[in-house]
C-alpha atoms as a PDB file:
ATOM      1  CA  MET A   1      -0.121   0.042  -0.142  1.00  0.00           C
ATOM      2  CA  MET A   2       2.849   2.564   0.870  1.00  0.00           C
ATOM      3  CA  VAL A   3       4.483   2.051  -2.203  1.00  0.00           C
ATOM      4  CA  ARG A   4       1.939   2.313  -4.468  1.00  0.00           C
ATOM      5  CA  LYS A   5       1.005   5.389  -2.812  1.00  0.00           C
ATOM      6  CA  PHE A   6       4.585   6.566  -3.009  1.00  0.00           C
ATOM      7  CA  LEU A   7       4.266   5.826  -6.569  1.00  0.00           C
ATOM      8  CA  PHE A   8       1.195   7.868  -7.817  1.00  0.00           C
ATOM      9  CA  ILE A   9       2.462  10.862  -6.136  1.00  0.00           C
ATOM     10  CA  ILE A  10       5.555  10.749  -7.605  1.00  0.00           C
ATOM     11  CA  PHE A  11       3.726  10.148 -10.516  1.00  0.00           C
ATOM     12  CA  LEU A  12       1.153  13.069  -9.931  1.00  0.00           C
ATOM     13  CA  LEU A  13       3.881  15.630  -9.434  1.00  0.00           C
ATOM     14  CA  ILE A  14       5.242  14.655 -12.636  1.00  0.00           C
ATOM     15  CA  ILE A  15       2.430  15.803 -14.724  1.00  0.00           C
ATOM     16  CA  VAL A  16       1.825  18.688 -12.749  1.00  0.00           C
ATOM     17  CA  GLN A  17       5.411  19.704 -13.166  1.00  0.00           C
ATOM     18  CA  SER A  18       5.424  18.973 -16.998  1.00  0.00           C
ATOM     19  CA  MET A  19       2.114  20.752 -17.559  1.00  0.00           C
ATOM     20  CA  ALA A  20       3.834  24.025 -15.823  1.00  0.00           C
ATOM     21  CA  GLN A  21       6.732  23.811 -17.988  1.00  0.00           C
ATOM     22  CA  GLN A  22       4.130  23.318 -21.185  1.00  0.00           C
ATOM     23  CA  GLN A  23       0.961  25.484 -22.197  1.00  0.00           C
ATOM     24  CA  TYR A  24      -1.140  23.225 -24.598  1.00  0.00           C
ATOM     25  CA  VAL A  25      -0.323  22.609 -27.811  1.00  0.00           C
ATOM     26  CA  ILE A  26      -2.547  23.463 -30.946  1.00  0.00           C
ATOM     27  CA  SER A  27      -2.180  22.376 -34.582  1.00  0.00           C
ATOM     28  CA  GLN A  28      -4.129  25.492 -36.459  1.00  0.00           C
ATOM     29  CA  TYR A  29      -2.621  27.525 -34.714  1.00  0.00           C
ATOM     30  CA  MET A  30      -2.549  30.125 -37.861  1.00  0.00           C
ATOM     31  CA  PHE A  31      -5.954  29.588 -37.621  1.00  0.00           C
ATOM     32  CA  ASN A  32      -6.769  30.679 -34.089  1.00  0.00           C
ATOM     33  CA  GLY A  33      -4.297  33.086 -33.104  1.00  0.00           C
ATOM     34  CA  LEU A  34      -5.989  34.939 -30.256  1.00  0.00           C
ATOM     35  CA  VAL A  35      -5.212  31.896 -28.045  1.00  0.00           C
ATOM     36  CA  VAL A  36      -1.640  32.704 -28.642  1.00  0.00           C
ATOM     37  CA  ASN A  37      -1.552  36.413 -29.158  1.00  0.00           C
ATOM     38  CA  PRO A  38      -3.669  39.395 -27.436  1.00  0.00           C
ATOM     39  CA  ALA A  39      -2.938  41.609 -30.199  1.00  0.00           C
ATOM     40  CA  TYR A  40      -4.420  39.216 -32.556  1.00  0.00           C
ATOM     41  CA  ALA A  41      -7.890  40.085 -31.381  1.00  0.00           C
ATOM     42  CA  GLY A  42      -9.275  42.265 -34.339  1.00  0.00           C
ATOM     43  CA  ILE A  43      -7.662  41.073 -37.135  1.00  0.00           C
ATOM     44  CA  HIS A  44     -10.538  39.760 -38.927  1.00  0.00           C
ATOM     45  CA  GLU A  45     -11.949  43.362 -39.030  1.00  0.00           C
ATOM     46  CA  SER A  46     -15.152  41.739 -38.091  1.00  0.00           C
ATOM     47  CA  TRP A  47     -16.373  39.854 -34.882  1.00  0.00           C
ATOM     48  CA  SER A  48     -15.287  36.502 -34.976  1.00  0.00           C
ATOM     49  CA  PHE A  49     -15.992  33.324 -33.088  1.00  0.00           C
ATOM     50  CA  THR A  50     -14.050  30.617 -32.879  1.00  0.00           C
ATOM     51  CA  MET A  51     -14.574  27.014 -31.087  1.00  0.00           C
ATOM     52  CA  MET A  52     -11.551  24.273 -31.006  1.00  0.00           C
ATOM     53  CA  THR A  53     -11.710  20.762 -29.623  1.00  0.00           C
ATOM     54  CA  ARG A  54      -8.519  19.076 -29.371  1.00  0.00           C
ATOM     55  CA  SER A  55      -7.231  15.732 -28.297  1.00  0.00           C
ATOM     56  CA  GLN A  56      -3.547  14.564 -27.816  1.00  0.00           C
ATOM     57  CA  TRP A  57      -2.094  11.201 -27.963  1.00  0.00           C
ATOM     58  CA  SER A  58      -5.563   9.083 -28.715  1.00  0.00           C
ATOM     59  CA  GLY A  59      -5.894   5.586 -26.957  1.00  0.00           C
ATOM     60  CA  ILE A  60      -3.798   6.966 -23.604  1.00  0.00           C
ATOM     61  CA  PRO A  61      -5.696   6.823 -20.756  1.00  0.00           C
ATOM     62  CA  GLY A  62      -5.814  10.175 -19.323  1.00  0.00           C
ATOM     63  CA  ALA A  63      -3.839  12.018 -22.415  1.00  0.00           C
ATOM     64  CA  PRO A  64      -4.286  15.767 -22.910  1.00  0.00           C
ATOM     65  CA  THR A  65      -7.643  17.207 -24.015  1.00  0.00           C
ATOM     66  CA  THR A  66      -8.148  21.022 -24.609  1.00  0.00           C
ATOM     67  CA  HIS A  67     -11.491  23.297 -25.428  1.00  0.00           C
ATOM     68  CA  THR A  68     -11.228  26.722 -26.320  1.00  0.00           C
ATOM     69  CA  PHE A  69     -13.812  29.795 -27.612  1.00  0.00           C
ATOM     70  CA  SER A  70     -12.357  32.924 -28.222  1.00  0.00           C
ATOM     71  CA  ALA A  71     -14.596  35.585 -29.469  1.00  0.00           C
ATOM     72  CA  HIS A  72     -12.880  39.163 -30.961  1.00  0.00           C
ATOM     73  CA  GLY A  73     -13.446  41.697 -32.986  1.00  0.00           C
ATOM     74  CA  PRO A  74     -13.515  45.843 -33.516  1.00  0.00           C
ATOM     75  CA  ILE A  75     -15.056  48.432 -30.632  1.00  0.00           C
ATOM     76  CA  THR A  76     -14.378  51.584 -32.442  1.00  0.00           C
ATOM     77  CA  ARG A  77     -16.203  52.947 -35.665  1.00  0.00           C
ATOM     78  CA  ASN A  78     -12.237  53.184 -37.465  1.00  0.00           C
ATOM     79  CA  LYS A  79     -11.258  49.892 -36.003  1.00  0.00           C
ATOM     80  CA  GLU A  80      -8.437  50.636 -34.277  1.00  0.00           C
ATOM     81  CA  SER A  81      -9.574  48.911 -30.828  1.00  0.00           C
ATOM     82  CA  SER A  82     -10.167  45.911 -30.563  1.00  0.00           C
ATOM     83  CA  ALA A  83     -12.000  43.687 -27.665  1.00  0.00           C
ATOM     84  CA  GLY A  84     -12.101  39.772 -27.478  1.00  0.00           C
ATOM     85  CA  LEU A  85     -12.768  36.869 -24.713  1.00  0.00           C
ATOM     86  CA  ILE A  86     -10.588  33.788 -24.392  1.00  0.00           C
ATOM     87  CA  PHE A  87     -11.946  30.754 -22.357  1.00  0.00           C
ATOM     88  CA  VAL A  88      -9.613  27.516 -22.309  1.00  0.00           C
ATOM     89  CA  LYS A  89     -10.308  23.931 -20.526  1.00  0.00           C
ATOM     90  CA  ASP A  90      -7.032  21.804 -19.835  1.00  0.00           C
ATOM     91  CA  GLU A  91      -7.357  18.571 -19.224  1.00  0.00           C
ATOM     92  CA  PHE A  92      -4.598  15.742 -18.304  1.00  0.00           C
ATOM     93  CA  GLY A  93      -5.447  12.850 -16.104  1.00  0.00           C
ATOM     94  CA  ALA A  94      -6.928  13.659 -12.739  1.00  0.00           C
ATOM     95  CA  ILE A  95      -4.997  17.674 -13.671  1.00  0.00           C
ATOM     96  CA  SER A  96      -7.356  20.498 -15.143  1.00  0.00           C
ATOM     97  CA  PHE A  97      -6.798  24.092 -16.280  1.00  0.00           C
ATOM     98  CA  ASN A  98      -9.363  26.596 -16.494  1.00  0.00           C
ATOM     99  CA  ASN A  99      -8.613  29.519 -17.991  1.00  0.00           C
ATOM    100  CA  VAL A 100     -11.075  32.772 -18.745  1.00  0.00           C
ATOM    101  CA  PHE A 101      -8.932  36.303 -19.891  1.00  0.00           C
ATOM    102  CA  GLY A 102     -10.133  39.594 -21.448  1.00  0.00           C
ATOM    103  CA  VAL A 103      -8.451  41.333 -24.234  1.00  0.00           C
ATOM    104  CA  TYR A 104      -7.740  44.407 -25.790  1.00  0.00           C
ATOM    105  CA  THR A 105      -5.980  45.223 -28.438  1.00  0.00           C
ATOM    106  CA  TYR A 106      -5.158  48.967 -29.865  1.00  0.00           C
ATOM    107  CA  ARG A 107      -3.794  48.727 -33.403  1.00  0.00           C
ATOM    108  CA  ILE A 108      -1.845  51.207 -35.591  1.00  0.00           C
ATOM    109  CA  SER A 109      -2.321  51.591 -39.393  1.00  0.00           C
ATOM    110  CA  PHE A 110      -0.092  53.192 -41.743  1.00  0.00           C
ATOM    111  CA  ASP A 111       0.963  53.294 -45.351  1.00  0.00           C
ATOM    112  CA  ARG A 112      -2.249  53.636 -46.539  1.00  0.00           C
ATOM    113  CA  GLY A 113      -3.955  51.241 -44.447  1.00  0.00           C
ATOM    114  CA  GLN A 114      -2.119  48.687 -46.005  1.00  0.00           C
ATOM    115  CA  GLN A 115      -0.028  47.871 -43.145  1.00  0.00           C
ATOM    116  CA  HIS A 116      -0.320  47.387 -39.307  1.00  0.00           C
ATOM    117  CA  LEU A 117       0.845  47.039 -36.351  1.00  0.00           C
ATOM    118  CA  SER A 118      -0.779  45.748 -33.124  1.00  0.00           C
ATOM    119  CA  MET A 119      -0.372  45.521 -29.415  1.00  0.00           C
ATOM    120  CA  GLY A 120      -2.238  43.668 -27.388  1.00  0.00           C
ATOM    121  CA  LEU A 121      -2.779  43.030 -23.134  1.00  0.00           C
ATOM    122  CA  GLN A 122      -4.878  40.864 -22.394  1.00  0.00           C
ATOM    123  CA  GLY A 123      -6.558  39.811 -18.058  1.00  0.00           C
ATOM    124  CA  GLY A 124      -8.293  37.213 -16.355  1.00  0.00           C
ATOM    125  CA  PHE A 125      -8.137  34.213 -13.976  1.00  0.00           C
ATOM    126  CA  SER A 126      -6.722  30.524 -14.373  1.00  0.00           C
ATOM    127  CA  ASN A 127      -7.976  27.622 -12.365  1.00  0.00           C
ATOM    128  CA  PHE A 128      -5.896  24.986 -11.484  1.00  0.00           C
ATOM    129  CA  HIS A 129      -7.702  21.538 -10.200  1.00  0.00           C
ATOM    130  CA  VAL A 130      -6.522  17.916  -9.111  1.00  0.00           C
ATOM    131  CA  GLU A 131      -8.833  15.653  -8.598  1.00  0.00           C
ATOM    132  CA  LEU A 132      -8.033  12.505  -6.458  1.00  0.00           C
ATOM    133  CA  SER A 133     -11.532  11.614  -5.415  1.00  0.00           C
ATOM    134  CA  ARG A 134     -12.099  10.519  -8.281  1.00  0.00           C
ATOM    135  CA  GLU A 135     -14.284   7.207  -8.701  1.00  0.00           C
ATOM    136  CA  ASP A 136     -11.141   5.497 -11.126  1.00  0.00           C
ATOM    137  CA  LEU A 137      -8.462   6.828  -8.815  1.00  0.00           C
ATOM    138  CA  ILE A 138      -9.794   6.145  -5.475  1.00  0.00           C
ATOM    139  CA  ASP A 139      -8.574   3.939  -3.045  1.00  0.00           C
ATOM    140  CA  PRO A 140     -10.629   3.607   0.122  1.00  0.00           C
ATOM    141  CA  ASP A 141      -7.952   2.689   2.351  1.00  0.00           C
ATOM    142  CA  ASP A 142      -5.469   5.139   1.157  1.00  0.00           C
ATOM    143  CA  PRO A 143      -6.963   8.505   2.600  1.00  0.00           C
ATOM    144  CA  ALA A 144      -4.040  10.656   0.453  1.00  0.00           C
ATOM    145  CA  LEU A 145      -6.340   9.628  -2.758  1.00  0.00           C
ATOM    146  CA  ASN A 146      -9.488  11.373  -1.214  1.00  0.00           C
ATOM    147  CA  SER A 147      -8.840  14.738  -1.199  1.00  0.00           C
ATOM    148  CA  ASP A 148      -8.480  17.134  -4.096  1.00  0.00           C
ATOM    149  CA  TYR A 149      -6.266  20.137  -4.533  1.00  0.00           C
ATOM    150  CA  ASN A 150      -8.160  23.480  -6.157  1.00  0.00           C
ATOM    151  CA  SER A 151      -6.753  27.285  -6.286  1.00  0.00           C
ATOM    152  CA  THR A 152      -7.638  29.891  -8.193  1.00  0.00           C
ATOM    153  CA  PHE A 153      -5.168  32.756  -9.510  1.00  0.00           C
ATOM    154  CA  PRO A 154      -5.088  36.032 -11.606  1.00  0.00           C
ATOM    155  CA  ASN A 155      -2.607  36.458 -14.625  1.00  0.00           C
ATOM    156  CA  PHE A 156      -1.888  38.873 -17.291  1.00  0.00           C
ATOM    157  CA  GLY A 157       0.083  38.809 -20.595  1.00  0.00           C
ATOM    158  CA  THR A 158       0.495  40.882 -24.027  1.00  0.00           C
ATOM    159  CA  GLY A 159       1.618  40.494 -27.656  1.00  0.00           C
ATOM    160  CA  ILE A 160       2.340  42.627 -30.605  1.00  0.00           C
ATOM    161  CA  TYR A 161       1.033  41.892 -34.210  1.00  0.00           C
ATOM    162  CA  TYR A 162       2.103  43.057 -37.286  1.00  0.00           C
ATOM    163  CA  SER A 163       0.770  42.221 -40.775  1.00  0.00           C
ATOM    164  CA  ASP A 164       0.674  43.850 -44.355  1.00  0.00           C
ATOM    165  CA  LYS A 165      -0.847  42.022 -47.421  1.00  0.00           C
ATOM    166  CA  LYS A 166       1.725  39.310 -48.230  1.00  0.00           C
ATOM    167  CA  PHE A 167       3.232  39.184 -44.295  1.00  0.00           C
ATOM    168  CA  TYR A 168       3.034  38.539 -40.480  1.00  0.00           C
ATOM    169  CA  ALA A 169       4.938  38.231 -37.802  1.00  0.00           C
ATOM    170  CA  GLY A 170       3.938  38.083 -34.242  1.00  0.00           C
ATOM    171  CA  LEU A 171       5.738  37.776 -30.466  1.00  0.00           C
ATOM    172  CA  SER A 172       3.733  37.119 -27.617  1.00  0.00           C
ATOM    173  CA  VAL A 173       3.931  36.079 -23.787  1.00  0.00           C
ATOM    174  CA  PRO A 174      -0.058  35.443 -22.537  1.00  0.00           C
ATOM    175  CA  PHE A 175       0.989  34.133 -19.444  1.00  0.00           C
ATOM    176  CA  ILE A 176       3.529  36.494 -17.031  1.00  0.00           C
ATOM    177  CA  VAL A 177       2.878  35.715 -13.856  1.00  0.00           C
ATOM    178  CA  ASN A 178       4.640  32.451 -12.669  1.00  0.00           C
ATOM    179  CA  ASN A 179       1.800  31.456  -9.991  1.00  0.00           C
ATOM    180  CA  ARG A 180       1.862  28.916  -7.581  1.00  0.00           C
ATOM    181  CA  LEU A 181      -0.371  25.898  -8.812  1.00  0.00           C
ATOM    182  CA  ASN A 182      -0.781  24.696  -4.753  1.00  0.00           C
ATOM    183  CA  GLN A 183      -0.750  27.033  -1.678  1.00  0.00           C
ATOM    184  CA  ASN A 184       0.527  24.445  -0.394  1.00  0.00           C
ATOM    185  CA  GLU A 185       4.344  25.497   0.601  1.00  0.00           C
ATOM    186  CA  GLN A 186       6.220  21.793   0.153  1.00  0.00           C
ATOM    187  CA  ASP A 187       4.548  21.745  -3.112  1.00  0.00           C
ATOM    188  CA  LEU A 188       7.066  24.032  -5.603  1.00  0.00           C
ATOM    189  CA  SER A 189       5.242  23.567  -8.897  1.00  0.00           C
ATOM    190  CA  ARG A 190       4.684  26.578 -10.448  1.00  0.00           C
ATOM    191  CA  GLN A 191       3.315  28.221 -14.224  1.00  0.00           C
ATOM    192  CA  VAL A 192       6.496  29.049 -16.392  1.00  0.00           C
ATOM    193  CA  ARG A 193       6.368  32.001 -18.917  1.00  0.00           C
ATOM    194  CA  HIS A 194       6.080  30.800 -22.472  1.00  0.00           C
ATOM    195  CA  TYR A 195       6.833  32.945 -25.717  1.00  0.00           C
ATOM    196  CA  TYR A 196       5.485  32.932 -28.613  1.00  0.00           C
ATOM    197  CA  LEU A 197       6.631  33.812 -32.338  1.00  0.00           C
ATOM    198  CA  THR A 198       5.047  33.258 -34.923  1.00  0.00           C
ATOM    199  CA  GLY A 199       4.759  34.397 -38.773  1.00  0.00           C
ATOM    200  CA  GLY A 200       4.117  33.465 -42.512  1.00  0.00           C
ATOM    201  CA  GLY A 201       3.703  34.589 -46.005  1.00  0.00           C
ATOM    202  CA  ILE A 202       1.304  34.234 -48.499  1.00  0.00           C
ATOM    203  CA  PHE A 203       2.679  33.815 -52.688  1.00  0.00           C
ATOM    204  CA  MET A 204       0.250  33.557 -55.712  1.00  0.00           C
ATOM    205  CA  LEU A 205       1.378  30.425 -57.745  1.00  0.00           C
ATOM    206  CA  ASN A 206      -1.410  30.947 -60.269  1.00  0.00           C
ATOM    207  CA  HIS A 207      -5.116  32.388 -60.195  1.00  0.00           C
ATOM    208  CA  ASP A 208      -6.536  29.659 -58.561  1.00  0.00           C
ATOM    209  CA  ILE A 209      -3.518  28.564 -55.906  1.00  0.00           C
ATOM    210  CA  LYS A 210      -1.868  30.275 -53.197  1.00  0.00           C
ATOM    211  CA  TYR A 211       1.217  29.290 -51.063  1.00  0.00           C
ATOM    212  CA  LYS A 212       1.370  29.820 -47.235  1.00  0.00           C
ATOM    213  CA  PRO A 213       4.626  28.956 -45.556  1.00  0.00           C
ATOM    214  CA  SER A 214       4.188  29.763 -41.448  1.00  0.00           C
ATOM    215  CA  PHE A 215       6.202  28.802 -38.193  1.00  0.00           C
ATOM    216  CA  MET A 216       5.729  28.989 -34.738  1.00  0.00           C
ATOM    217  CA  VAL A 217       8.289  28.542 -32.331  1.00  0.00           C
ATOM    218  CA  ARG A 218       7.376  28.242 -28.393  1.00  0.00           C
ATOM    219  CA  TYR A 219      10.137  29.085 -25.518  1.00  0.00           C
ATOM    220  CA  LEU A 220      10.431  28.609 -22.111  1.00  0.00           C
ATOM    221  CA  ASP A 221      13.188  28.733 -19.605  1.00  0.00           C
ATOM    222  CA  GLY A 222      15.167  25.887 -19.089  1.00  0.00           C
ATOM    223  CA  ALA A 223      13.409  23.962 -22.088  1.00  0.00           C
ATOM    224  CA  ALA A 224      14.006  23.559 -25.512  1.00  0.00           C
ATOM    225  CA  PRO A 225      12.370  25.326 -27.550  1.00  0.00           C
ATOM    226  CA  ASP A 226       9.599  23.701 -29.855  1.00  0.00           C
ATOM    227  CA  ILE A 227       9.301  24.871 -33.552  1.00  0.00           C
ATOM    228  CA  ASP A 228       6.052  23.803 -35.861  1.00  0.00           C
ATOM    229  CA  ILE A 229       6.877  24.483 -39.695  1.00  0.00           C
ATOM    230  CA  THR A 230       3.815  24.489 -42.069  1.00  0.00           C
ATOM    231  CA  ASN A 231       3.195  24.593 -45.700  1.00  0.00           C
ATOM    232  CA  SER A 232      -0.051  25.235 -46.886  1.00  0.00           C
ATOM    233  CA  PHE A 233      -1.879  26.069 -49.966  1.00  0.00           C
ATOM    234  CA  LEU A 234      -5.196  28.108 -50.442  1.00  0.00           C
ATOM    235  CA  LEU A 235      -7.360  26.892 -53.628  1.00  0.00           C
ATOM    236  CA  LYS A 236      -9.628  28.685 -55.140  1.00  0.00           C
ATOM    237  CA  ASP A 237      -9.842  30.677 -51.799  1.00  0.00           C
ATOM    238  CA  ILE A 238     -12.208  27.284 -50.345  1.00  0.00           C
ATOM    239  CA  ILE A 239      -9.681  25.008 -49.299  1.00  0.00           C
ATOM    240  CA  TRP A 240      -6.792  25.094 -47.170  1.00  0.00           C
ATOM    241  CA  THR A 241      -4.364  21.730 -47.230  1.00  0.00           C
ATOM    242  CA  GLY A 242      -1.085  21.776 -45.329  1.00  0.00           C
ATOM    243  CA  ILE A 243       0.632  19.939 -43.668  1.00  0.00           C
ATOM    244  CA  THR A 244       2.892  20.964 -40.360  1.00  0.00           C
ATOM    245  CA  TYR A 245       6.314  19.238 -39.404  1.00  0.00           C
ATOM    246  CA  ARG A 246       6.249  19.691 -34.808  1.00  0.00           C
ATOM    247  CA  TRP A 247      10.217  19.378 -34.256  1.00  0.00           C
ATOM    248  CA  SER A 248      11.009  15.460 -33.205  1.00  0.00           C
ATOM    249  CA  ASN A 249       6.966  15.196 -32.201  1.00  0.00           C
ATOM    250  CA  SER A 250       4.838  14.639 -35.114  1.00  0.00           C
ATOM    251  CA  ILE A 251       3.391  15.651 -38.581  1.00  0.00           C
ATOM    252  CA  ASP A 252       0.333  17.403 -38.596  1.00  0.00           C
ATOM    253  CA  PHE A 253      -2.088  16.938 -41.272  1.00  0.00           C
ATOM    254  CA  ILE A 254      -4.343  20.334 -41.998  1.00  0.00           C
ATOM    255  CA  LEU A 255      -7.510  20.467 -44.191  1.00  0.00           C
ATOM    256  CA  GLU A 256      -9.902  23.562 -43.981  1.00  0.00           C
ATOM    257  CA  ILE A 257     -12.868  24.866 -46.046  1.00  0.00           C
ATOM    258  CA  GLN A 258     -14.623  28.036 -46.211  1.00  0.00           C
ATOM    259  CA  PHE A 259     -17.998  26.795 -46.218  1.00  0.00           C
ATOM    260  CA  THR A 260     -19.557  30.799 -46.581  1.00  0.00           C
ATOM    261  CA  ASP A 261     -17.748  34.202 -46.325  1.00  0.00           C
ATOM    262  CA  ASN A 262     -18.736  33.495 -42.819  1.00  0.00           C
ATOM    263  CA  LEU A 263     -18.437  30.033 -41.824  1.00  0.00           C
ATOM    264  CA  ARG A 264     -15.031  27.677 -41.771  1.00  0.00           C
ATOM    265  CA  PHE A 265     -14.500  24.090 -41.432  1.00  0.00           C
ATOM    266  CA  GLY A 266     -11.022  22.600 -39.653  1.00  0.00           C
ATOM    267  CA  TYR A 267      -9.567  19.374 -38.997  1.00  0.00           C
ATOM    268  CA  SER A 268      -6.110  18.247 -37.956  1.00  0.00           C
ATOM    269  CA  TYR A 269      -4.291  14.938 -37.532  1.00  0.00           C
ATOM    270  CA  GLY A 270      -1.285  14.968 -35.862  1.00  0.00           C
ATOM    271  CA  LEU A 271       0.488  11.500 -36.903  1.00  0.00           C
ATOM    272  CA  ILE A 272       3.695  11.077 -34.010  1.00  0.00           C
ATOM    273  CA  THR A 273       6.697  10.804 -35.011  1.00  0.00           C
ATOM    274  CA  SER A 274       8.279  10.178 -31.138  1.00  0.00           C
ATOM    275  CA  GLU A 275       8.302   6.937 -29.185  1.00  0.00           C
ATOM    276  CA  LEU A 276       4.615   7.239 -27.750  1.00  0.00           C
ATOM    277  CA  SER A 277       3.242   6.175 -31.519  1.00  0.00           C
ATOM    278  CA  GLN A 278       3.483   2.641 -30.652  1.00  0.00           C
ATOM    279  CA  VAL A 279       1.134   3.366 -27.316  1.00  0.00           C
ATOM    280  CA  SER A 280      -0.975   5.998 -29.102  1.00  0.00           C
ATOM    281  CA  THR A 281      -3.345   6.555 -32.941  1.00  0.00           C
ATOM    282  CA  GLY A 282      -2.288   9.965 -32.928  1.00  0.00           C
ATOM    283  CA  SER A 283      -3.588  13.598 -32.129  1.00  0.00           C
ATOM    284  CA  HIS A 284      -6.744  15.438 -33.154  1.00  0.00           C
ATOM    285  CA  GLU A 285      -8.296  18.552 -33.754  1.00  0.00           C
ATOM    286  CA  LEU A 286     -11.425  20.497 -35.314  1.00  0.00           C
ATOM    287  CA  VAL A 287     -12.281  24.369 -35.324  1.00  0.00           C
ATOM    288  CA  ILE A 288     -15.112  25.962 -35.947  1.00  0.00           C
ATOM    289  CA  ASN A 289     -15.179  29.906 -37.169  1.00  0.00           C
ATOM    290  CA  TYR A 290     -17.799  31.841 -37.490  1.00  0.00           C
ATOM    291  CA  ARG A 291     -17.731  35.878 -38.266  1.00  0.00           C
ATOM    292  CA  ILE A 292     -20.682  38.344 -38.859  1.00  0.00           C
ATOM    293  CA  LYS A 293     -20.583  39.434 -42.374  1.00  0.00           C
ATOM    294  CA  LYS A 294     -18.100  42.710 -42.573  1.00  0.00           C
ATOM    295  CA  GLN A 295     -19.582  45.640 -44.000  1.00  0.00           C
ATOM    296  CA  HIS A 296     -16.613  47.499 -45.415  1.00  0.00           C
ATOM    297  CA  PRO A 297     -16.394  46.462 -48.976  1.00  0.00           C
ATOM    298  CA  LYS A 298     -12.916  47.785 -49.173  1.00  0.00           C
ATOM    299  CA  VAL A 299     -10.905  45.445 -47.068  1.00  0.00           C
ATOM    300  CA  ASN A 300      -9.105  42.593 -48.302  1.00  0.00           C
ATOM    301  CA  HIS A 301     -10.588  38.954 -47.513  1.00  0.00           C
ATOM    302  CA  PRO A 302      -9.095  38.069 -44.153  1.00  0.00           C
ATOM    303  CA  ARG A 303      -9.679  33.746 -45.276  1.00  0.00           C
ATOM    304  CA  ARG A 304      -5.749  34.108 -46.987  1.00  0.00           C
ATOM    305  CA  PHE A 305      -4.336  34.865 -43.626  1.00  0.00           C
ATOM    306  CA  ARG A 306      -6.692  33.645 -40.378  1.00  0.00           C
END
């Protein structure tokens, strides 16, 4: 009994520490930018609503699942100021993070409105919960497995985002404060600050096909950076298809369909290239985006970039 209890506690601490050092991972970051950079708010030129669900490492009990909802859009007539809302639910076995953040972005336009530089701030609360009393974990004879941990703490983040007709780039720190996850003084698990660098471009190959390379780098202190490199193509401004290589981790196949000017659907499948492929069938991610139809006819259609 004591050996099993000891092993379980060690396993739990490893999970908590690993979650503290790595924020949620998403494959379709180029279509769900607000969850990694608050300066992304308002980039669609109209109010936009995005839902995403991700099942990582399918086939492994307790593997990570992530659900996000974001809404953002301009709040001034000249579209210089935008606001947004982010909700993220990230679960890993008996551990869950819930994040609720409000976003404000100010955008500067220059070169006759062809180039934009946005600066964003977000603030809100995160909830960290460990549910040891779940039926599939509980041992009636072990009081250590009959208690839960629950903690709520504030945080804030910031970012910048540049875009023009052919290129975009962003740099962000979504969670700046390294909060302690558990108020127990003997538990040293903390949030760890993450830095995100994104960028990409779009090039017209012919009238019907456009090529869009993009990348995302995730970095945190004390760990090697994670790098996503994506090559995708836009067919007739309706279908996105692409491949993402996540360094030493997975190859993701992405398909996005623009059903109407308002509605878009995306799916990605992650083929694991690490040793986890022996026990997992891969990762799945679904994204649905709805945008209120823009009223300004001179604005370039935003689907090419985001």
